[in-house]
Amino acid sequence: MNNLILIGFMGCGKTSVGLQLAKQLNFKFCDTDQIIEEKAKDTINHIFESKGEEYFRQLETETIKELKGRLKATVLSVGGGLPIQTGNEKLIRDLGQVIYLKTSKDTILKRLSGDTTRPLLAGDQEKRIETLLSFRAPIYEAAAHLTVTTDGRMFGDIIDEIIKRTGVQHEIISDQRT
C-alpha cells in the first residue's frame, strides 16, 4: 500500500507538509477534517459546539473506516485527536505508512498563537497544549511507523526525509513501469 498517513498535534504541519508532499509525489491529498465537514455540511467547530467532542470522534472513526480500501497513492492528514481513539491506531496503520510529525510545545505555541478556531485550545492555550501534548505524544509514537521532527525545519527537508525513510518514491517508479 503506497499511502502516507500524517498524524500529529494541531499545528505540526500535517496539512501544509501533506499538500506539498502529495504534489511532489503526484499523489492525491485528503484531510479527514475536510471530509467530515463536507459530509456533515458543517464546520468542525460547530460540530464540537453543537454535538460535542465524543460525537466528532465517532465521525472521525467512521470516516477512517470508509476510506479503507479506497485510498491509493494518497497522502492523508488526520485530525490530531483521531489516533487517540481506541481502535483507530490499527485502522490508520491498515491504510498505509503512518508518519508522526513530531513538534515541540514551543513550536506549536508559536504556530498557533492567536488561533481561536480550535475548540480544544479555548482558554489558557499554553496549558491546554502542554496537557494535550503530554497525553497524546506517546500515543502518536506508538501509532506511527516512523517519526519525523519538524521543529526549525523547512518543508522541503521534512518532505525529503519522509520520501527517503518511507521509500515511497521508489514504489511509485515501480508502479509506473508495470
C-alpha atoms as a PDB file:
ATOM      1  CA  MET A   1       0.000   0.000   0.000  1.00  0.00           C
ATOM      2  CA  ASN A   2       1.523   3.311  -1.039  1.00  0.00           C
ATOM      3  CA  ASN A   3      -0.500   5.698   1.114  1.00  0.00           C
ATOM      4  CA  LEU A   4       1.129   8.011   3.645  1.00  0.00           C
ATOM      5  CA  ILE A   5      -0.882   8.895   6.749  1.00  0.00           C
ATOM      6  CA  LEU A   6       0.238  12.035   8.598  1.00  0.00           C
ATOM      7  CA  ILE A   7      -0.517  12.268  12.299  1.00  0.00           C
ATOM      8  CA  GLY A   8       0.464  14.718  14.990  1.00  0.00           C
ATOM      9  CA  PHE A   9      -0.677  17.569  17.169  1.00  0.00           C
ATOM     10  CA  MET A  10      -2.507  20.658  15.922  1.00  0.00           C
ATOM     11  CA  GLY A  11      -0.087  22.975  14.164  1.00  0.00           C
ATOM     12  CA  CYS A  12       2.544  20.314  13.474  1.00  0.00           C
ATOM     13  CA  GLY A  13       2.197  20.785   9.702  1.00  0.00           C
ATOM     14  CA  LYS A  14       0.060  17.823   8.631  1.00  0.00           C
ATOM     15  CA  THR A  15      -1.870  19.824   6.048  1.00  0.00           C
ATOM     16  CA  SER A  16       0.956  22.100   4.897  1.00  0.00           C
ATOM     17  CA  VAL A  17       3.513  19.291   4.601  1.00  0.00           C
ATOM     18  CA  GLY A  18       0.863  16.906   3.284  1.00  0.00           C
ATOM     19  CA  LEU A  19      -0.182  19.149   0.405  1.00  0.00           C
ATOM     20  CA  GLN A  20       3.410  19.684  -0.735  1.00  0.00           C
ATOM     21  CA  LEU A  21       4.329  16.026  -0.240  1.00  0.00           C
ATOM     22  CA  ALA A  22       1.337  14.907  -2.314  1.00  0.00           C
ATOM     23  CA  LYS A  23       2.234  17.368  -5.056  1.00  0.00           C
ATOM     24  CA  GLN A  24       5.857  16.223  -5.156  1.00  0.00           C
ATOM     25  CA  LEU A  25       4.863  12.548  -5.311  1.00  0.00           C
ATOM     26  CA  ASN A  26       1.972  13.162  -7.698  1.00  0.00           C
ATOM     27  CA  PHE A  27      -0.343  11.690  -5.047  1.00  0.00           C
ATOM     28  CA  LYS A  28      -3.832  12.750  -4.064  1.00  0.00           C
ATOM     29  CA  PHE A  29      -4.233  14.668  -0.804  1.00  0.00           C
ATOM     30  CA  CYS A  30      -7.078  14.107   1.655  1.00  0.00           C
ATOM     31  CA  ASP A  31      -7.796  15.600   5.057  1.00  0.00           C
ATOM     32  CA  THR A  32     -10.203  13.822   7.402  1.00  0.00           C
ATOM     33  CA  ASP A  33     -11.459  17.124   8.835  1.00  0.00           C
ATOM     34  CA  GLN A  34     -12.310  18.314   5.323  1.00  0.00           C
ATOM     35  CA  ILE A  35     -14.095  15.039   4.530  1.00  0.00           C
ATOM     36  CA  ILE A  36     -16.112  15.300   7.749  1.00  0.00           C
ATOM     37  CA  GLU A  37     -17.088  18.919   7.059  1.00  0.00           C
ATOM     38  CA  GLU A  38     -18.231  18.003   3.533  1.00  0.00           C
ATOM     39  CA  LYS A  39     -20.247  15.004   4.724  1.00  0.00           C
ATOM     40  CA  ALA A  40     -21.810  16.839   7.667  1.00  0.00           C
ATOM     41  CA  LYS A  41     -22.261  20.087   5.718  1.00  0.00           C
ATOM     42  CA  ASP A  42     -20.982  21.760   8.872  1.00  0.00           C
ATOM     43  CA  THR A  43     -17.728  23.058  10.330  1.00  0.00           C
ATOM     44  CA  ILE A  44     -15.624  21.140  12.834  1.00  0.00           C
ATOM     45  CA  ASN A  45     -16.064  23.988  15.327  1.00  0.00           C
ATOM     46  CA  HIS A  46     -19.841  23.912  15.034  1.00  0.00           C
ATOM     47  CA  ILE A  47     -19.938  20.116  15.328  1.00  0.00           C
ATOM     48  CA  PHE A  48     -17.892  20.396  18.550  1.00  0.00           C
ATOM     49  CA  GLU A  49     -20.151  23.159  19.887  1.00  0.00           C
ATOM     50  CA  SER A  50     -23.480  21.614  18.968  1.00  0.00           C
ATOM     51  CA  LYS A  51     -22.869  17.878  19.345  1.00  0.00           C
ATOM     52  CA  GLY A  52     -19.696  17.597  21.438  1.00  0.00           C
ATOM     53  CA  GLU A  53     -16.277  16.053  21.123  1.00  0.00           C
ATOM     54  CA  GLU A  54     -17.449  12.456  21.551  1.00  0.00           C
ATOM     55  CA  TYR A  55     -19.800  12.765  18.556  1.00  0.00           C
ATOM     56  CA  PHE A  56     -16.999  14.307  16.479  1.00  0.00           C
ATOM     57  CA  ARG A  57     -14.616  11.476  17.419  1.00  0.00           C
ATOM     58  CA  GLN A  58     -17.228   8.964  16.207  1.00  0.00           C
ATOM     59  CA  LEU A  59     -17.357  10.812  12.877  1.00  0.00           C
ATOM     60  CA  GLU A  60     -13.568  10.575  12.614  1.00  0.00           C
ATOM     61  CA  THR A  61     -13.598   6.815  13.196  1.00  0.00           C
ATOM     62  CA  GLU A  62     -16.430   6.311  10.680  1.00  0.00           C
ATOM     63  CA  THR A  63     -14.504   8.362   8.113  1.00  0.00           C
ATOM     64  CA  ILE A  64     -11.338   6.265   8.521  1.00  0.00           C
ATOM     65  CA  LYS A  65     -13.361   3.053   8.195  1.00  0.00           C
ATOM     66  CA  GLU A  66     -14.966   4.354   4.991  1.00  0.00           C
ATOM     67  CA  LEU A  67     -11.558   5.164   3.491  1.00  0.00           C
ATOM     68  CA  LYS A  68     -10.233   1.615   3.937  1.00  0.00           C
ATOM     69  CA  GLY A  69      -9.678   0.022   0.559  1.00  0.00           C
ATOM     70  CA  ARG A  70     -10.476   3.258  -1.275  1.00  0.00           C
ATOM     71  CA  LEU A  71      -7.162   5.090  -0.973  1.00  0.00           C
ATOM     72  CA  LYS A  72      -4.347   4.605  -3.452  1.00  0.00           C
ATOM     73  CA  ALA A  73      -1.326   6.863  -3.856  1.00  0.00           C
ATOM     74  CA  THR A  74      -2.747   9.286  -1.282  1.00  0.00           C
ATOM     75  CA  VAL A  75      -1.322  11.474   1.452  1.00  0.00           C
ATOM     76  CA  LEU A  76      -3.918  11.548   4.224  1.00  0.00           C
ATOM     77  CA  SER A  77      -3.849  14.108   7.018  1.00  0.00           C
ATOM     78  CA  VAL A  78      -5.863  13.059  10.060  1.00  0.00           C
ATOM     79  CA  GLY A  79      -7.142  15.181  12.917  1.00  0.00           C
ATOM     80  CA  GLY A  80      -4.856  15.465  15.933  1.00  0.00           C
ATOM     81  CA  GLY A  81      -7.256  13.525  18.160  1.00  0.00           C
ATOM     82  CA  LEU A  82      -8.054  10.707  15.733  1.00  0.00           C
ATOM     83  CA  PRO A  83      -5.167   8.386  16.742  1.00  0.00           C
ATOM     84  CA  ILE A  84      -6.059   8.628  20.438  1.00  0.00           C
ATOM     85  CA  GLN A  85      -9.415   6.913  19.993  1.00  0.00           C
ATOM     86  CA  THR A  86      -9.360   3.216  20.829  1.00  0.00           C
ATOM     87  CA  GLY A  87      -9.016   1.118  17.682  1.00  0.00           C
ATOM     88  CA  ASN A  88      -8.060   3.974  15.386  1.00  0.00           C
ATOM     89  CA  GLU A  89      -4.339   3.169  15.590  1.00  0.00           C
ATOM     90  CA  LYS A  90      -4.950  -0.129  13.786  1.00  0.00           C
ATOM     91  CA  LEU A  91      -7.333   1.482  11.300  1.00  0.00           C
ATOM     92  CA  ILE A  92      -4.829   4.122  10.206  1.00  0.00           C
ATOM     93  CA  ARG A  93      -1.960   1.617  10.073  1.00  0.00           C
ATOM     94  CA  ASP A  94      -4.112  -0.526   7.762  1.00  0.00           C
ATOM     95  CA  LEU A  95      -4.433   2.453   5.391  1.00  0.00           C
ATOM     96  CA  GLY A  96      -0.699   2.949   4.831  1.00  0.00           C
ATOM     97  CA  GLN A  97       2.557   4.093   6.386  1.00  0.00           C
ATOM     98  CA  VAL A  98       1.837   6.291   9.393  1.00  0.00           C
ATOM     99  CA  ILE A  99       4.171   9.235   9.895  1.00  0.00           C
ATOM    100  CA  TYR A 100       4.158  11.210  13.136  1.00  0.00           C
ATOM    101  CA  LEU A 101       5.136  14.834  12.569  1.00  0.00           C
ATOM    102  CA  LYS A 102       6.657  15.479  15.973  1.00  0.00           C
ATOM    103  CA  THR A 103       6.637  19.102  17.061  1.00  0.00           C
ATOM    104  CA  SER A 104       7.622  20.671  20.379  1.00  0.00           C
ATOM    105  CA  LYS A 105       5.242  22.577  22.624  1.00  0.00           C
ATOM    106  CA  ASP A 106       7.152  25.825  21.977  1.00  0.00           C
ATOM    107  CA  THR A 107       6.890  25.467  18.196  1.00  0.00           C
ATOM    108  CA  ILE A 108       3.187  24.640  18.423  1.00  0.00           C
ATOM    109  CA  LEU A 109       2.635  27.686  20.646  1.00  0.00           C
ATOM    110  CA  LYS A 110       4.332  29.926  18.073  1.00  0.00           C
ATOM    111  CA  ARG A 111       2.395  28.445  15.167  1.00  0.00           C
ATOM    112  CA  LEU A 112      -0.994  28.602  16.914  1.00  0.00           C
ATOM    113  CA  SER A 113      -0.518  31.921  18.672  1.00  0.00           C
ATOM    114  CA  GLY A 114      -3.752  33.891  18.301  1.00  0.00           C
ATOM    115  CA  ASP A 115      -5.585  30.999  16.613  1.00  0.00           C
ATOM    116  CA  THR A 116      -9.121  30.976  18.030  1.00  0.00           C
ATOM    117  CA  THR A 117     -10.504  28.360  15.632  1.00  0.00           C
ATOM    118  CA  ARG A 118      -9.510  25.273  17.614  1.00  0.00           C
ATOM    119  CA  PRO A 119     -12.118  24.307  20.216  1.00  0.00           C
ATOM    120  CA  LEU A 120      -9.778  22.164  22.319  1.00  0.00           C
ATOM    121  CA  LEU A 121      -7.429  25.117  22.863  1.00  0.00           C
ATOM    122  CA  ALA A 122     -10.008  27.503  24.299  1.00  0.00           C
ATOM    123  CA  GLY A 123      -8.853  29.238  27.474  1.00  0.00           C
ATOM    124  CA  ASP A 124      -5.216  29.053  28.573  1.00  0.00           C
ATOM    125  CA  GLN A 125      -3.730  27.946  25.253  1.00  0.00           C
ATOM    126  CA  GLU A 126      -0.264  27.154  26.620  1.00  0.00           C
ATOM    127  CA  LYS A 127      -1.654  24.995  29.431  1.00  0.00           C
ATOM    128  CA  ARG A 128      -4.065  23.212  27.075  1.00  0.00           C
ATOM    129  CA  ILE A 129      -1.299  22.465  24.562  1.00  0.00           C
ATOM    130  CA  GLU A 130       1.007  21.185  27.306  1.00  0.00           C
ATOM    131  CA  THR A 131      -1.688  18.929  28.787  1.00  0.00           C
ATOM    132  CA  LEU A 132      -2.936  17.533  25.479  1.00  0.00           C
ATOM    133  CA  LEU A 133       0.543  17.079  24.021  1.00  0.00           C
ATOM    134  CA  SER A 134       1.868  15.210  27.062  1.00  0.00           C
ATOM    135  CA  PHE A 135      -1.081  12.810  26.805  1.00  0.00           C
ATOM    136  CA  ARG A 136      -1.064  12.416  23.018  1.00  0.00           C
ATOM    137  CA  ALA A 137       2.666  12.271  22.164  1.00  0.00           C
ATOM    138  CA  PRO A 138       3.196   8.676  23.406  1.00  0.00           C
ATOM    139  CA  ILE A 139       0.081   7.575  21.504  1.00  0.00           C
ATOM    140  CA  TYR A 140       1.335   9.214  18.309  1.00  0.00           C
ATOM    141  CA  GLU A 141       4.719   7.491  18.778  1.00  0.00           C
ATOM    142  CA  ALA A 142       3.048   4.094  19.234  1.00  0.00           C
ATOM    143  CA  ALA A 143       0.763   4.532  16.211  1.00  0.00           C
ATOM    144  CA  ALA A 144       3.494   5.676  13.807  1.00  0.00           C
ATOM    145  CA  HIS A 145       5.695   3.588  11.581  1.00  0.00           C
ATOM    146  CA  LEU A 146       8.156   6.474  11.698  1.00  0.00           C
ATOM    147  CA  THR A 147       8.606   9.809  13.436  1.00  0.00           C
ATOM    148  CA  VAL A 148       9.833  12.970  11.718  1.00  0.00           C
ATOM    149  CA  THR A 149      10.706  16.012  13.822  1.00  0.00           C
ATOM    150  CA  THR A 150       9.516  19.300  12.314  1.00  0.00           C
ATOM    151  CA  ASP A 151      10.965  21.918  14.704  1.00  0.00           C
ATOM    152  CA  GLY A 152      13.005  24.553  12.880  1.00  0.00           C
ATOM    153  CA  ARG A 153      12.894  22.688   9.568  1.00  0.00           C
ATOM    154  CA  MET A 154      11.807  23.753   6.110  1.00  0.00           C
ATOM    155  CA  PHE A 155       9.002  21.821   4.396  1.00  0.00           C
ATOM    156  CA  GLY A 156      11.406  20.585   1.717  1.00  0.00           C
ATOM    157  CA  ASP A 157      13.688  18.974   4.301  1.00  0.00           C
ATOM    158  CA  ILE A 158      10.753  17.301   6.042  1.00  0.00           C
ATOM    159  CA  ILE A 159       9.383  16.016   2.732  1.00  0.00           C
ATOM    160  CA  ASP A 160      12.796  14.725   1.624  1.00  0.00           C
ATOM    161  CA  GLU A 161      13.146  12.832   4.909  1.00  0.00           C
ATOM    162  CA  ILE A 162       9.670  11.301   4.555  1.00  0.00           C
ATOM    163  CA  ILE A 163      10.346  10.165   0.995  1.00  0.00           C
ATOM    164  CA  LYS A 164      13.761   8.749   1.899  1.00  0.00           C
ATOM    165  CA  ARG A 165      12.595   6.923   5.017  1.00  0.00           C
ATOM    166  CA  THR A 166       9.353   5.512   3.561  1.00  0.00           C
ATOM    167  CA  GLY A 167      10.803   4.521   0.210  1.00  0.00           C
ATOM    168  CA  VAL A 168       7.514   5.571  -1.338  1.00  0.00           C
ATOM    169  CA  GLN A 169       9.119   7.313  -4.328  1.00  0.00           C
ATOM    170  CA  HIS A 170      10.740   4.033  -5.356  1.00  0.00           C
ATOM    171  CA  GLU A 171       7.359   2.321  -5.127  1.00  0.00           C
ATOM    172  CA  ILE A 172       5.805   4.898  -7.426  1.00  0.00           C
ATOM    173  CA  ILE A 173       8.516   4.436 -10.038  1.00  0.00           C
ATOM    174  CA  SER A 174       7.991   0.673  -9.864  1.00  0.00           C
ATOM    175  CA  ASP A 175       4.211   1.099 -10.149  1.00  0.00           C
ATOM    176  CA  GLN A 176       4.569   3.272 -13.247  1.00  0.00           C
ATOM    177  CA  ARG A 177       6.741   0.712 -15.029  1.00  0.00           C
ATOM    178  CA  THR A 178       4.281  -2.127 -14.637  1.00  0.00           C
END
